[in-house]
Amino acid sequence: MRLSAAVATRGPRGRGRPLRLIAIALAGVVVGVGAFWIVSAIRQPRRIAPAYDPPVLAGRQLWGACAGGFYARHGDSIVLTSTGHCTTEGTVAYDPDGITVRGVFGPAARDASCPYPGHRCAASDLNYLVVARDRIPWGHLNVVDLGTAGYRIIPPGTRPLACADIAIGDQVEINGRNQYRSGAVAEKGANLHPEDGDYFPCMIAARISVGVGDSGGAVLVRGVPAGVTSRSFGGWLGFTPLAEGLAQLGLDLCTTPDCGLVPSFPRARPRIPEAGPQSPEPAGSKGDRAGPSSGPSGVSEMAASHS
C-alpha cells in the first residue's frame, strides 16, 4: 500500500527532506499468526520481572494480533489503549483460556469530518479496551511491561508526548509481540494515500523491526509514553502520537498506581514469572498493520503486498 509523499520534519531541529513511504495495511491478516506464535515462543527470552494476577497488559500482547498500549481513565472506567485498525467497537476480548473476559473494545479515534475524500481522518491510530473490573491490575496502572527489559513505572503527572515533542534521533522502545526492541526515530510526516483509507497528520518512523502482532503496542520515546504502533515502513516501525489520540478519545493517562480511583477488587498480586508469550486469541481481531512495506529515507524499499 503506497503512501503519498509527505513532508518530513525534524521537530524543533528544523525541516527534513520529503518522506516517501510505502505502508502495508495488515487489517484482516490471519494467515501465519499461528506460525508466528510458535516461532516467538521458541525465540523469546524468559522474562526477568514477576508477572501479576491480573496481569499488566500495557506493553504486552492483548488480543489476537493486537498489542496493549497504556492504561488510562475514561471517566470512572479503566481502559487500555490499542489501535483503531485492529478490531471494531463492541468486540469482546478474552484471556488465553477463551472464557475469561478481558474487556470490550470501545471506539477508535476519529475526526468529525475529513477533507480527504475516501479517507477516515484521526489525530492518532488509537482505540481502547474497557477493561473488565475483575481484570484491572489495581496498584499497577502506571506500569508498562516491557518484558525482558522489565517494568517501567510512569511517574505521577507525566505528560504523554505529542507529535511536536518527538524529534529525529530520539530513542524509542516497544514490546509488541512480547519481544522487546529499541531504536531511534528516523523521520516524521503525514500519512496520506488513496489505498490506505486512513489519514493521520503525524506518522513517526523509527528504525525498529516490526511485524504481525505489534500494532497497538505501547511506544516509549526517551522513556516517556509517546505513541501507538500503527504501520510498517520497509519492516520498520511507524507510530502515531499518544497525546493527540488520548485527547480525541477523552482519555487521561494513568500516572498513579490506581489512577485516582478506589479499587473495586483486590490489588494485583505477584505470581510465578512467565516462561514466554501468551497464547493468541484466534478470533475477534481484524489483525495488524505492522508488517513489511517500505521505509524511511536510507532504508531499502520492499514491495508492498497484502498478507
C-alpha atoms as a PDB file:
ATOM      1  CA  MET A   1       0.000   0.000   0.000  1.00  0.00           C
ATOM      2  CA  ARG A   2       1.663   3.200  -1.163  1.00  0.00           C
ATOM      3  CA  LEU A   3       1.573   6.408   0.837  1.00  0.00           C
ATOM      4  CA  SER A   4       1.810   9.783  -0.848  1.00  0.00           C
ATOM      5  CA  ALA A   5       4.895  11.885  -0.394  1.00  0.00           C
ATOM      6  CA  ALA A   6       4.774  13.575   2.959  1.00  0.00           C
ATOM      7  CA  VAL A   7       6.887  16.359   4.324  1.00  0.00           C
ATOM      8  CA  ALA A   8       9.324  15.048   6.899  1.00  0.00           C
ATOM      9  CA  THR A   9      10.028  17.304   9.836  1.00  0.00           C
ATOM     10  CA  ARG A  10      12.794  17.222  12.345  1.00  0.00           C
ATOM     11  CA  GLY A  11      10.754  18.643  15.195  1.00  0.00           C
ATOM     12  CA  PRO A  12      12.429  21.588  16.853  1.00  0.00           C
ATOM     13  CA  ARG A  13      15.625  20.959  14.878  1.00  0.00           C
ATOM     14  CA  GLY A  14      14.201  22.026  11.545  1.00  0.00           C
ATOM     15  CA  ARG A  15      12.700  20.614   8.391  1.00  0.00           C
ATOM     16  CA  GLY A  16      13.844  17.470   6.633  1.00  0.00           C
ATOM     17  CA  ARG A  17      13.547  16.063   3.151  1.00  0.00           C
ATOM     18  CA  PRO A  18      10.234  14.823   1.741  1.00  0.00           C
ATOM     19  CA  LEU A  19       9.368  11.427   3.142  1.00  0.00           C
ATOM     20  CA  ARG A  20       8.301   8.828   0.586  1.00  0.00           C
ATOM     21  CA  LEU A  21       6.752   5.841   2.303  1.00  0.00           C
ATOM     22  CA  ILE A  22       5.054   2.639   1.232  1.00  0.00           C
ATOM     23  CA  ALA A  23       2.974   1.127   4.008  1.00  0.00           C
ATOM     24  CA  ILE A  24       1.169  -2.179   4.160  1.00  0.00           C
ATOM     25  CA  ALA A  25      -2.220  -2.487   5.801  1.00  0.00           C
ATOM     26  CA  LEU A  26      -2.400  -5.711   7.737  1.00  0.00           C
ATOM     27  CA  ALA A  27      -6.057  -5.404   8.694  1.00  0.00           C
ATOM     28  CA  GLY A  28      -7.503  -8.850   8.160  1.00  0.00           C
ATOM     29  CA  VAL A  29      -4.183 -10.671   8.452  1.00  0.00           C
ATOM     30  CA  VAL A  30      -4.868 -14.055   9.994  1.00  0.00           C
ATOM     31  CA  VAL A  31      -2.765 -16.484   7.952  1.00  0.00           C
ATOM     32  CA  GLY A  32       0.611 -17.031   9.567  1.00  0.00           C
ATOM     33  CA  VAL A  33      -0.338 -15.814  13.029  1.00  0.00           C
ATOM     34  CA  GLY A  34      -0.150 -19.322  14.486  1.00  0.00           C
ATOM     35  CA  ALA A  35       3.278 -19.887  12.987  1.00  0.00           C
ATOM     36  CA  PHE A  36       4.396 -16.531  14.375  1.00  0.00           C
ATOM     37  CA  TRP A  37       3.423 -17.539  17.886  1.00  0.00           C
ATOM     38  CA  ILE A  38       5.252 -20.865  17.633  1.00  0.00           C
ATOM     39  CA  VAL A  39       8.469 -19.189  16.457  1.00  0.00           C
ATOM     40  CA  SER A  40       8.032 -16.399  19.018  1.00  0.00           C
ATOM     41  CA  ALA A  41       7.665 -18.882  21.859  1.00  0.00           C
ATOM     42  CA  ILE A  42      10.922 -20.571  20.819  1.00  0.00           C
ATOM     43  CA  ARG A  43      12.960 -17.387  20.409  1.00  0.00           C
ATOM     44  CA  GLN A  44      11.547 -15.207  23.184  1.00  0.00           C
ATOM     45  CA  PRO A  45      13.895 -14.983  26.208  1.00  0.00           C
ATOM     46  CA  ARG A  46      12.429 -15.635  29.625  1.00  0.00           C
ATOM     47  CA  ARG A  47      11.080 -12.514  31.330  1.00  0.00           C
ATOM     48  CA  ILE A  48      13.064 -11.295  34.316  1.00  0.00           C
ATOM     49  CA  ALA A  49      10.301  -9.390  36.162  1.00  0.00           C
ATOM     50  CA  PRO A  50       7.486 -11.057  38.116  1.00  0.00           C
ATOM     51  CA  ALA A  51       4.085 -11.169  36.457  1.00  0.00           C
ATOM     52  CA  TYR A  52       0.925 -10.094  38.240  1.00  0.00           C
ATOM     53  CA  ASP A  53      -2.544 -11.544  38.602  1.00  0.00           C
ATOM     54  CA  PRO A  54      -4.474  -9.962  36.973  1.00  0.00           C
ATOM     55  CA  PRO A  55      -1.636  -9.305  34.520  1.00  0.00           C
ATOM     56  CA  VAL A  56      -0.362  -5.889  33.483  1.00  0.00           C
ATOM     57  CA  LEU A  57      -1.141  -5.890  29.747  1.00  0.00           C
ATOM     58  CA  ALA A  58       0.211  -2.420  28.993  1.00  0.00           C
ATOM     59  CA  GLY A  59       3.060  -3.120  26.589  1.00  0.00           C
ATOM     60  CA  ARG A  60       2.100  -6.791  26.198  1.00  0.00           C
ATOM     61  CA  GLN A  61       0.098  -8.847  23.731  1.00  0.00           C
ATOM     62  CA  LEU A  62      -3.577  -8.056  24.227  1.00  0.00           C
ATOM     63  CA  TRP A  63      -5.953  -9.790  21.823  1.00  0.00           C
ATOM     64  CA  GLY A  64      -5.360 -11.732  18.624  1.00  0.00           C
ATOM     65  CA  ALA A  65      -2.716  -9.819  16.671  1.00  0.00           C
ATOM     66  CA  CYS A  66      -3.202  -6.661  18.755  1.00  0.00           C
ATOM     67  CA  ALA A  67      -0.886  -5.387  21.484  1.00  0.00           C
ATOM     68  CA  GLY A  68      -1.715  -3.301  24.546  1.00  0.00           C
ATOM     69  CA  GLY A  69      -0.604   0.295  24.968  1.00  0.00           C
ATOM     70  CA  PHE A  70      -1.121   2.283  28.173  1.00  0.00           C
ATOM     71  CA  TYR A  71      -3.696   2.263  30.943  1.00  0.00           C
ATOM     72  CA  ALA A  72      -5.904   5.347  31.015  1.00  0.00           C
ATOM     73  CA  ARG A  73      -9.124   6.651  32.558  1.00  0.00           C
ATOM     74  CA  HIS A  74     -12.358   7.283  30.726  1.00  0.00           C
ATOM     75  CA  GLY A  75     -14.472   8.840  33.435  1.00  0.00           C
ATOM     76  CA  ASP A  76     -14.559   6.230  36.200  1.00  0.00           C
ATOM     77  CA  SER A  77     -13.633   3.371  33.834  1.00  0.00           C
ATOM     78  CA  ILE A  78     -10.140   1.954  33.393  1.00  0.00           C
ATOM     79  CA  VAL A  79      -9.215   1.386  29.768  1.00  0.00           C
ATOM     80  CA  LEU A  80      -6.173   0.070  27.931  1.00  0.00           C
ATOM     81  CA  THR A  81      -5.191   1.744  24.682  1.00  0.00           C
ATOM     82  CA  SER A  82      -4.612  -0.217  21.486  1.00  0.00           C
ATOM     83  CA  THR A  83      -5.020   0.641  17.800  1.00  0.00           C
ATOM     84  CA  GLY A  84      -8.073   1.783  15.868  1.00  0.00           C
ATOM     85  CA  HIS A  85      -7.404  -0.558  12.929  1.00  0.00           C
ATOM     86  CA  CYS A  86      -7.031  -3.728  14.986  1.00  0.00           C
ATOM     87  CA  THR A  87     -10.643  -4.525  15.792  1.00  0.00           C
ATOM     88  CA  THR A  88     -14.108  -2.962  15.865  1.00  0.00           C
ATOM     89  CA  GLU A  89     -16.103  -1.286  18.620  1.00  0.00           C
ATOM     90  CA  GLY A  90     -18.027  -3.816  20.707  1.00  0.00           C
ATOM     91  CA  THR A  91     -15.570  -6.690  20.166  1.00  0.00           C
ATOM     92  CA  VAL A  92     -15.091  -8.758  23.327  1.00  0.00           C
ATOM     93  CA  ALA A  93     -11.508  -9.682  24.211  1.00  0.00           C
ATOM     94  CA  TYR A  94     -10.787 -12.863  26.155  1.00  0.00           C
ATOM     95  CA  ASP A  95      -7.917 -14.267  28.184  1.00  0.00           C
ATOM     96  CA  PRO A  96      -5.986 -17.118  26.520  1.00  0.00           C
ATOM     97  CA  ASP A  97      -8.410 -19.583  28.121  1.00  0.00           C
ATOM     98  CA  GLY A  98     -11.111 -18.314  25.751  1.00  0.00           C
ATOM     99  CA  ILE A  99     -13.532 -17.936  28.661  1.00  0.00           C
ATOM    100  CA  THR A 100     -12.383 -15.112  30.938  1.00  0.00           C
ATOM    101  CA  VAL A 101     -13.382 -11.723  29.533  1.00  0.00           C
ATOM    102  CA  ARG A 102     -10.611  -9.144  29.451  1.00  0.00           C
ATOM    103  CA  GLY A 103     -12.909  -6.359  28.331  1.00  0.00           C
ATOM    104  CA  VAL A 104     -14.820  -4.792  25.457  1.00  0.00           C
ATOM    105  CA  PHE A 105     -13.303  -2.559  22.802  1.00  0.00           C
ATOM    106  CA  GLY A 106     -14.559   0.996  22.546  1.00  0.00           C
ATOM    107  CA  PRO A 107     -14.486   3.383  19.584  1.00  0.00           C
ATOM    108  CA  ALA A 108     -11.481   4.407  17.538  1.00  0.00           C
ATOM    109  CA  ALA A 109     -10.253   7.988  17.412  1.00  0.00           C
ATOM    110  CA  ARG A 110     -11.929   9.848  14.538  1.00  0.00           C
ATOM    111  CA  ASP A 111     -12.278  13.417  13.334  1.00  0.00           C
ATOM    112  CA  ALA A 112     -15.839  14.677  12.944  1.00  0.00           C
ATOM    113  CA  SER A 113     -15.109  15.360   9.269  1.00  0.00           C
ATOM    114  CA  CYS A 114     -12.325  14.638   6.808  1.00  0.00           C
ATOM    115  CA  PRO A 115     -11.176  16.899   3.953  1.00  0.00           C
ATOM    116  CA  TYR A 116      -9.753  13.930   2.037  1.00  0.00           C
ATOM    117  CA  PRO A 117     -12.449  12.014   0.098  1.00  0.00           C
ATOM    118  CA  GLY A 118     -12.435   8.289   0.713  1.00  0.00           C
ATOM    119  CA  HIS A 119     -10.403   8.616   3.899  1.00  0.00           C
ATOM    120  CA  ARG A 120     -11.011   8.493   7.619  1.00  0.00           C
ATOM    121  CA  CYS A 121      -9.194  11.260   9.444  1.00  0.00           C
ATOM    122  CA  ALA A 122      -7.960  10.913  13.014  1.00  0.00           C
ATOM    123  CA  ALA A 123      -5.440  12.513  15.326  1.00  0.00           C
ATOM    124  CA  SER A 124      -3.868   9.098  16.013  1.00  0.00           C
ATOM    125  CA  ASP A 125      -4.431   5.403  15.239  1.00  0.00           C
ATOM    126  CA  LEU A 126      -5.854   4.784  18.701  1.00  0.00           C
ATOM    127  CA  ASN A 127      -8.746   2.946  20.324  1.00  0.00           C
ATOM    128  CA  TYR A 128      -9.166   1.361  23.735  1.00  0.00           C
ATOM    129  CA  LEU A 129     -10.328  -1.705  25.619  1.00  0.00           C
ATOM    130  CA  VAL A 130     -12.699  -1.039  28.525  1.00  0.00           C
ATOM    131  CA  VAL A 131     -11.036  -3.400  30.997  1.00  0.00           C
ATOM    132  CA  ALA A 132     -13.320  -5.822  32.857  1.00  0.00           C
ATOM    133  CA  ARG A 133     -13.427  -4.848  36.535  1.00  0.00           C
ATOM    134  CA  ASP A 134     -12.000  -8.161  37.713  1.00  0.00           C
ATOM    135  CA  ARG A 135      -9.110  -7.928  35.214  1.00  0.00           C
ATOM    136  CA  ILE A 136      -7.854  -4.482  36.262  1.00  0.00           C
ATOM    137  CA  PRO A 137      -4.328  -4.754  37.748  1.00  0.00           C
ATOM    138  CA  TRP A 138      -5.019  -2.342  40.615  1.00  0.00           C
ATOM    139  CA  GLY A 139      -1.848  -0.954  42.135  1.00  0.00           C
ATOM    140  CA  HIS A 140      -0.011  -1.161  38.799  1.00  0.00           C
ATOM    141  CA  LEU A 141      -1.984   1.049  36.398  1.00  0.00           C
ATOM    142  CA  ASN A 142       1.017   3.330  35.916  1.00  0.00           C
ATOM    143  CA  VAL A 143       3.178   0.406  34.804  1.00  0.00           C
ATOM    144  CA  VAL A 144       4.234  -0.608  31.291  1.00  0.00           C
ATOM    145  CA  ASP A 145       5.514  -4.170  30.893  1.00  0.00           C
ATOM    146  CA  LEU A 146       8.494  -4.293  28.534  1.00  0.00           C
ATOM    147  CA  GLY A 147       9.098  -7.999  29.078  1.00  0.00           C
ATOM    148  CA  THR A 148      12.791  -8.804  29.224  1.00  0.00           C
ATOM    149  CA  ALA A 149      13.534  -5.073  29.713  1.00  0.00           C
ATOM    150  CA  GLY A 150      11.432  -5.072  32.881  1.00  0.00           C
ATOM    151  CA  TYR A 151       8.640  -2.844  34.119  1.00  0.00           C
ATOM    152  CA  ARG A 152       8.607   0.912  33.524  1.00  0.00           C
ATOM    153  CA  ILE A 153       6.741   2.999  36.089  1.00  0.00           C
ATOM    154  CA  ILE A 154       5.148   6.190  34.786  1.00  0.00           C
ATOM    155  CA  PRO A 155       5.844   8.957  37.340  1.00  0.00           C
ATOM    156  CA  PRO A 156       2.923  10.995  38.705  1.00  0.00           C
ATOM    157  CA  GLY A 157       1.983  13.912  36.496  1.00  0.00           C
ATOM    158  CA  THR A 158       3.784  12.581  33.418  1.00  0.00           C
ATOM    159  CA  ARG A 159       2.503  14.263  30.262  1.00  0.00           C
ATOM    160  CA  PRO A 160       2.180  11.960  27.219  1.00  0.00           C
ATOM    161  CA  LEU A 161       4.225  13.134  24.268  1.00  0.00           C
ATOM    162  CA  ALA A 162       2.663  14.843  21.259  1.00  0.00           C
ATOM    163  CA  CYS A 163       3.995  14.892  17.712  1.00  0.00           C
ATOM    164  CA  ALA A 164       5.875  18.156  18.294  1.00  0.00           C
ATOM    165  CA  ASP A 165       7.663  16.662  21.317  1.00  0.00           C
ATOM    166  CA  ILE A 166       9.335  13.913  19.279  1.00  0.00           C
ATOM    167  CA  ALA A 167      12.489  14.632  17.282  1.00  0.00           C
ATOM    168  CA  ILE A 168      14.709  12.772  14.842  1.00  0.00           C
ATOM    169  CA  GLY A 169      17.251  10.676  16.726  1.00  0.00           C
ATOM    170  CA  ASP A 170      15.124  10.222  19.858  1.00  0.00           C
ATOM    171  CA  GLN A 171      15.394   6.765  21.397  1.00  0.00           C
ATOM    172  CA  VAL A 172      12.317   4.531  21.044  1.00  0.00           C
ATOM    173  CA  GLU A 173      11.263   1.323  22.844  1.00  0.00           C
ATOM    174  CA  ILE A 174       8.472  -1.190  22.145  1.00  0.00           C
ATOM    175  CA  ASN A 175       7.454  -4.646  23.354  1.00  0.00           C
ATOM    176  CA  GLY A 176       4.666  -5.719  20.969  1.00  0.00           C
ATOM    177  CA  ARG A 177       4.551  -9.488  20.324  1.00  0.00           C
ATOM    178  CA  ASN A 178       6.124  -9.687  23.803  1.00  0.00           C
ATOM    179  CA  GLN A 179       9.521  -9.007  22.213  1.00  0.00           C
ATOM    180  CA  TYR A 180      11.494  -6.043  23.496  1.00  0.00           C
ATOM    181  CA  ARG A 181      13.171  -3.862  20.850  1.00  0.00           C
ATOM    182  CA  SER A 182      14.697  -0.390  20.721  1.00  0.00           C
ATOM    183  CA  GLY A 183      15.943   2.028  18.094  1.00  0.00           C
ATOM    184  CA  ALA A 184      15.861   5.660  17.022  1.00  0.00           C
ATOM    185  CA  VAL A 185      13.361   7.975  15.340  1.00  0.00           C
ATOM    186  CA  ALA A 186      14.246   8.273  11.642  1.00  0.00           C
ATOM    187  CA  GLU A 187      11.610  10.585  10.134  1.00  0.00           C
ATOM    188  CA  LYS A 188       8.249  12.286  10.635  1.00  0.00           C
ATOM    189  CA  GLY A 189       5.482  13.065   8.153  1.00  0.00           C
ATOM    190  CA  ALA A 190       1.782  12.879   7.357  1.00  0.00           C
ATOM    191  CA  ASN A 191       0.151   9.564   6.433  1.00  0.00           C
ATOM    192  CA  LEU A 192      -1.952  10.027   3.288  1.00  0.00           C
ATOM    193  CA  HIS A 193      -2.610   7.716   0.329  1.00  0.00           C
ATOM    194  CA  PRO A 194      -5.756   6.659  -1.559  1.00  0.00           C
ATOM    195  CA  GLU A 195      -5.233   2.962  -0.833  1.00  0.00           C
ATOM    196  CA  ASP A 196      -4.619   3.359   2.891  1.00  0.00           C
ATOM    197  CA  GLY A 197      -8.005   4.766   3.856  1.00  0.00           C
ATOM    198  CA  ASP A 198      -6.673   6.487   6.974  1.00  0.00           C
ATOM    199  CA  TYR A 199      -5.196   9.960   7.204  1.00  0.00           C
ATOM    200  CA  PHE A 200      -3.046  10.879  10.189  1.00  0.00           C
ATOM    201  CA  PRO A 201      -1.388  14.311  10.321  1.00  0.00           C
ATOM    202  CA  CYS A 202       1.612  12.826  12.100  1.00  0.00           C
ATOM    203  CA  MET A 203       3.295   9.482  11.476  1.00  0.00           C
ATOM    204  CA  ILE A 204       6.707   8.846  13.033  1.00  0.00           C
ATOM    205  CA  ALA A 205       9.100   6.266  11.599  1.00  0.00           C
ATOM    206  CA  ALA A 206      11.723   4.566  13.765  1.00  0.00           C
ATOM    207  CA  ARG A 207      14.434   2.047  12.974  1.00  0.00           C
ATOM    208  CA  ILE A 208      12.877  -0.828  14.894  1.00  0.00           C
ATOM    209  CA  SER A 209      11.836  -4.050  13.184  1.00  0.00           C
ATOM    210  CA  VAL A 210       8.092  -4.775  13.417  1.00  0.00           C
ATOM    211  CA  GLY A 211       5.707  -7.478  12.276  1.00  0.00           C
ATOM    212  CA  VAL A 212       2.279  -9.003  12.767  1.00  0.00           C
ATOM    213  CA  GLY A 213       1.258  -8.646  16.423  1.00  0.00           C
ATOM    214  CA  ASP A 214       2.935  -5.309  17.106  1.00  0.00           C
ATOM    215  CA  SER A 215       0.056  -2.989  16.251  1.00  0.00           C
ATOM    216  CA  GLY A 216      -1.499  -1.133  19.163  1.00  0.00           C
ATOM    217  CA  GLY A 217       1.551  -1.623  21.343  1.00  0.00           C
ATOM    218  CA  ALA A 218       2.994   0.979  23.675  1.00  0.00           C
ATOM    219  CA  VAL A 219       5.716   3.212  22.251  1.00  0.00           C
ATOM    220  CA  LEU A 220       8.077   4.957  24.660  1.00  0.00           C
ATOM    221  CA  VAL A 221      10.284   7.799  23.451  1.00  0.00           C
ATOM    222  CA  ARG A 222      13.105   8.881  25.770  1.00  0.00           C
ATOM    223  CA  GLY A 223      11.372   6.651  28.326  1.00  0.00           C
ATOM    224  CA  VAL A 224       8.112   8.649  28.164  1.00  0.00           C
ATOM    225  CA  PRO A 225       4.725   7.357  26.877  1.00  0.00           C
ATOM    226  CA  ALA A 226       4.687   8.617  23.315  1.00  0.00           C
ATOM    227  CA  GLY A 227       2.643   6.647  20.813  1.00  0.00           C
ATOM    228  CA  VAL A 228       0.848   3.638  19.402  1.00  0.00           C
ATOM    229  CA  THR A 229       2.347   1.204  16.880  1.00  0.00           C
ATOM    230  CA  SER A 230       0.406   1.726  13.653  1.00  0.00           C
ATOM    231  CA  ARG A 231       2.274   0.919  10.424  1.00  0.00           C
ATOM    232  CA  SER A 232       5.345  -0.726   8.979  1.00  0.00           C
ATOM    233  CA  PHE A 233       7.710   1.054   6.593  1.00  0.00           C
ATOM    234  CA  GLY A 234      10.061  -1.407   4.977  1.00  0.00           C
ATOM    235  CA  GLY A 235       9.662  -3.571   8.073  1.00  0.00           C
ATOM    236  CA  TRP A 236      10.449  -0.598  10.324  1.00  0.00           C
ATOM    237  CA  LEU A 237       8.160   0.872  12.967  1.00  0.00           C
ATOM    238  CA  GLY A 238       5.599   3.567  12.151  1.00  0.00           C
ATOM    239  CA  PHE A 239       3.699   5.048  15.099  1.00  0.00           C
ATOM    240  CA  THR A 240       1.219   7.839  15.722  1.00  0.00           C
ATOM    241  CA  PRO A 241       1.446  10.190  18.719  1.00  0.00           C
ATOM    242  CA  LEU A 242      -0.189   9.370  22.045  1.00  0.00           C
ATOM    243  CA  ALA A 243      -1.203  12.796  23.374  1.00  0.00           C
ATOM    244  CA  GLU A 244      -3.390  13.668  20.388  1.00  0.00           C
ATOM    245  CA  GLY A 245      -5.115  10.273  20.435  1.00  0.00           C
ATOM    246  CA  LEU A 246      -5.860  10.393  24.149  1.00  0.00           C
ATOM    247  CA  ALA A 247      -7.292  13.901  23.814  1.00  0.00           C
ATOM    248  CA  GLN A 248      -9.527  12.923  20.890  1.00  0.00           C
ATOM    249  CA  LEU A 249     -10.963   9.978  22.842  1.00  0.00           C
ATOM    250  CA  GLY A 250     -11.326  11.894  26.103  1.00  0.00           C
ATOM    251  CA  LEU A 251      -8.813   9.707  27.963  1.00  0.00           C
ATOM    252  CA  ASP A 252      -6.383  10.574  30.760  1.00  0.00           C
ATOM    253  CA  LEU A 253      -3.122   8.635  31.033  1.00  0.00           C
ATOM    254  CA  CYS A 254      -2.740   6.704  34.293  1.00  0.00           C
ATOM    255  CA  THR A 255       0.292   8.048  36.176  1.00  0.00           C
ATOM    256  CA  THR A 256      -0.511   6.681  39.655  1.00  0.00           C
ATOM    257  CA  PRO A 257      -0.967   3.056  40.801  1.00  0.00           C
ATOM    258  CA  ASP A 258      -4.782   3.250  40.988  1.00  0.00           C
ATOM    259  CA  CYS A 259      -5.229   6.108  38.500  1.00  0.00           C
ATOM    260  CA  GLY A 260      -7.024   8.244  41.089  1.00  0.00           C
ATOM    261  CA  LEU A 261      -9.794   5.697  41.703  1.00  0.00           C
ATOM    262  CA  VAL A 262     -10.743   3.480  44.632  1.00  0.00           C
ATOM    263  CA  PRO A 263     -10.029  -0.164  43.657  1.00  0.00           C
ATOM    264  CA  SER A 264     -13.156  -2.260  43.233  1.00  0.00           C
ATOM    265  CA  PHE A 265     -11.167  -5.514  43.561  1.00  0.00           C
ATOM    266  CA  PRO A 266      -8.024  -6.534  45.484  1.00  0.00           C
ATOM    267  CA  ARG A 267      -4.775  -5.208  44.051  1.00  0.00           C
ATOM    268  CA  ALA A 268      -2.909  -7.399  41.586  1.00  0.00           C
ATOM    269  CA  ARG A 269      -0.607  -9.944  43.238  1.00  0.00           C
ATOM    270  CA  PRO A 270       2.791 -11.160  42.002  1.00  0.00           C
ATOM    271  CA  ARG A 271       2.817 -14.685  40.640  1.00  0.00           C
ATOM    272  CA  ILE A 272       5.361 -17.093  39.136  1.00  0.00           C
ATOM    273  CA  PRO A 273       7.305 -15.459  36.252  1.00  0.00           C
ATOM    274  CA  GLU A 274       6.037 -16.341  32.805  1.00  0.00           C
ATOM    275  CA  ALA A 275       8.115 -18.594  30.561  1.00  0.00           C
ATOM    276  CA  GLY A 276       7.216 -16.742  27.367  1.00  0.00           C
ATOM    277  CA  PRO A 277       4.476 -15.014  25.401  1.00  0.00           C
ATOM    278  CA  GLN A 278       0.807 -15.740  25.923  1.00  0.00           C
ATOM    279  CA  SER A 279      -1.168 -17.860  23.517  1.00  0.00           C
ATOM    280  CA  PRO A 280      -3.020 -15.887  20.849  1.00  0.00           C
ATOM    281  CA  GLU A 281      -6.770 -15.487  20.802  1.00  0.00           C
ATOM    282  CA  PRO A 282      -7.783 -16.875  17.409  1.00  0.00           C
ATOM    283  CA  ALA A 283     -10.974 -14.920  16.839  1.00  0.00           C
ATOM    284  CA  GLY A 284     -12.420 -11.459  17.166  1.00  0.00           C
ATOM    285  CA  SER A 285      -9.496  -9.481  15.753  1.00  0.00           C
ATOM    286  CA  LYS A 286      -9.107  -7.782  12.396  1.00  0.00           C
ATOM    287  CA  GLY A 287      -5.358  -8.268  12.567  1.00  0.00           C
ATOM    288  CA  ASP A 288      -2.424  -5.912  12.442  1.00  0.00           C
ATOM    289  CA  ARG A 289      -0.883  -3.351  10.120  1.00  0.00           C
ATOM    290  CA  ALA A 290       2.667  -3.781  11.313  1.00  0.00           C
ATOM    291  CA  GLY A 291       4.115  -5.902   8.520  1.00  0.00           C
ATOM    292  CA  PRO A 292       6.670  -5.438   5.729  1.00  0.00           C
ATOM    293  CA  SER A 293       6.496  -2.392   3.467  1.00  0.00           C
ATOM    294  CA  SER A 294       8.848   0.420   2.608  1.00  0.00           C
ATOM    295  CA  GLY A 295      10.836   2.533   4.934  1.00  0.00           C
ATOM    296  CA  PRO A 296      12.275   5.837   5.973  1.00  0.00           C
ATOM    297  CA  SER A 297      14.927   7.555   3.872  1.00  0.00           C
ATOM    298  CA  GLY A 298      18.002   5.388   3.672  1.00  0.00           C
ATOM    299  CA  VAL A 299      16.063   2.172   4.210  1.00  0.00           C
ATOM    300  CA  SER A 300      15.742  -0.028   1.137  1.00  0.00           C
ATOM    301  CA  GLU A 301      12.169  -0.438  -0.099  1.00  0.00           C
ATOM    302  CA  MET A 302      10.277  -3.713  -0.195  1.00  0.00           C
ATOM    303  CA  ALA A 303       7.306  -4.447  -2.413  1.00  0.00           C
ATOM    304  CA  ALA A 304       4.064  -3.780  -0.584  1.00  0.00           C
ATOM    305  CA  SER A 305       1.552  -6.567  -0.529  1.00  0.00           C
ATOM    306  CA  HIS A 306      -1.478  -7.689   1.418  1.00  0.00           C
ATOM    307  CA  SER A 307      -0.933 -10.785   3.518  1.00  0.00           C
END
